[in-house]
């Protein structure tokens, strides 16, 4: 089993062997990986947000959802 530290050192060695003209591509790829991580964390930050919501309030929100959306759409279209 390879530890995170060993993998990081292996990646550093590989990066040092990459041609200079490919470094921008690698940097862009790494930036996309970081972006995906932060997006996932943002999304997961909402997990459980409604966990302790009162049952009556939840039912009111969900039962009338379609009606409220239709009402709001009419206002937006006007």
Protein backbone atom coordinates (compact mmCIF):
# COMPACT_ATOMS: atom_id res chain seq x y z
CA UNK A 1 0.00 0.00 0.00
CA UNK A 2 1.38 3.37 -1.05
CA UNK A 3 1.01 6.25 1.37
CA UNK A 4 -0.17 9.72 0.37
CA UNK A 5 3.31 11.06 1.07
CA UNK A 6 4.92 8.53 -1.24
CA UNK A 7 2.45 9.34 -4.02
CA UNK A 8 3.08 13.07 -3.60
CA UNK A 9 6.84 12.56 -3.86
CA UNK A 10 6.37 10.37 -6.92
CA UNK A 11 4.22 13.07 -8.54
CA UNK A 12 6.82 15.74 -7.79
CA UNK A 13 9.50 13.62 -9.46
CA UNK A 14 7.28 13.12 -12.51
CA UNK A 15 6.49 16.85 -12.72
CA UNK A 16 10.19 17.66 -12.67
CA UNK A 17 10.66 15.45 -15.76
CA UNK A 18 7.83 17.04 -17.75
CA UNK A 19 8.81 19.26 -20.67
CA UNK A 20 8.41 22.98 -20.00
CA UNK A 21 5.85 23.41 -22.78
CA UNK A 22 3.53 20.90 -21.04
CA UNK A 23 3.61 22.55 -17.62
CA UNK A 24 0.74 24.93 -18.45
CA UNK A 25 -1.49 21.96 -19.34
CA UNK A 26 -0.59 20.25 -16.10
CA UNK A 27 -1.29 23.39 -14.12
CA UNK A 28 -4.69 23.78 -15.82
CA UNK A 29 -5.53 20.16 -15.05
CA UNK A 30 -4.54 20.55 -11.40
CA UNK A 31 -6.68 23.70 -11.16
CA UNK A 32 -9.69 21.77 -12.50
CA UNK A 33 -9.14 19.04 -9.92
CA UNK A 34 -9.07 21.63 -7.14
CA UNK A 35 -12.19 23.31 -8.55
CA UNK A 36 -14.09 20.03 -8.49
CA UNK A 37 -13.13 19.49 -4.87
CA UNK A 38 -14.32 22.93 -3.80
CA UNK A 39 -17.60 22.55 -5.76
CA UNK A 40 -18.26 19.22 -4.09
CA UNK A 41 -17.57 20.73 -0.66
CA UNK A 42 -19.94 23.62 -1.41
CA UNK A 43 -22.69 21.23 -2.41
CA UNK A 44 -22.12 18.95 0.56
CA UNK A 45 -22.27 21.92 2.93
CA UNK A 46 -26.04 21.88 2.41
CA UNK A 47 -26.35 18.24 3.49
CA UNK A 48 -28.73 17.93 6.40
CA UNK A 49 -29.80 21.57 6.23
CA UNK A 50 -33.47 20.58 6.51
CA UNK A 51 -32.90 17.75 8.95
CA UNK A 52 -34.54 19.49 11.91
CA UNK A 53 -37.29 21.34 10.03
CA UNK A 54 -40.74 21.19 11.59
CA UNK A 55 -42.97 18.63 9.83
CA UNK A 56 -45.82 21.10 9.29
CA UNK A 57 -43.50 23.64 7.69
CA UNK A 58 -41.97 20.97 5.45
CA UNK A 59 -45.42 19.78 4.34
CA UNK A 60 -46.51 23.36 3.62
CA UNK A 61 -43.41 23.93 1.50
CA UNK A 62 -43.74 20.72 -0.47
CA UNK A 63 -47.53 20.54 -0.80
CA UNK A 64 -47.81 24.01 -2.32
CA UNK A 65 -44.57 23.97 -4.28
CA UNK A 66 -46.11 23.58 -7.74
CA UNK A 67 -48.73 26.26 -7.07
CA UNK A 68 -46.12 28.75 -5.84
CA UNK A 69 -43.85 28.08 -8.83
CA UNK A 70 -46.71 28.62 -11.26
CA UNK A 71 -47.69 31.85 -9.49
CA UNK A 72 -44.10 33.11 -9.59
CA UNK A 73 -43.73 32.19 -13.26
CA UNK A 74 -46.79 34.27 -14.15
CA UNK A 75 -45.28 37.29 -12.35
CA UNK A 76 -41.96 36.86 -14.13
CA UNK A 77 -43.64 36.57 -17.54
CA UNK A 78 -45.60 39.80 -17.05
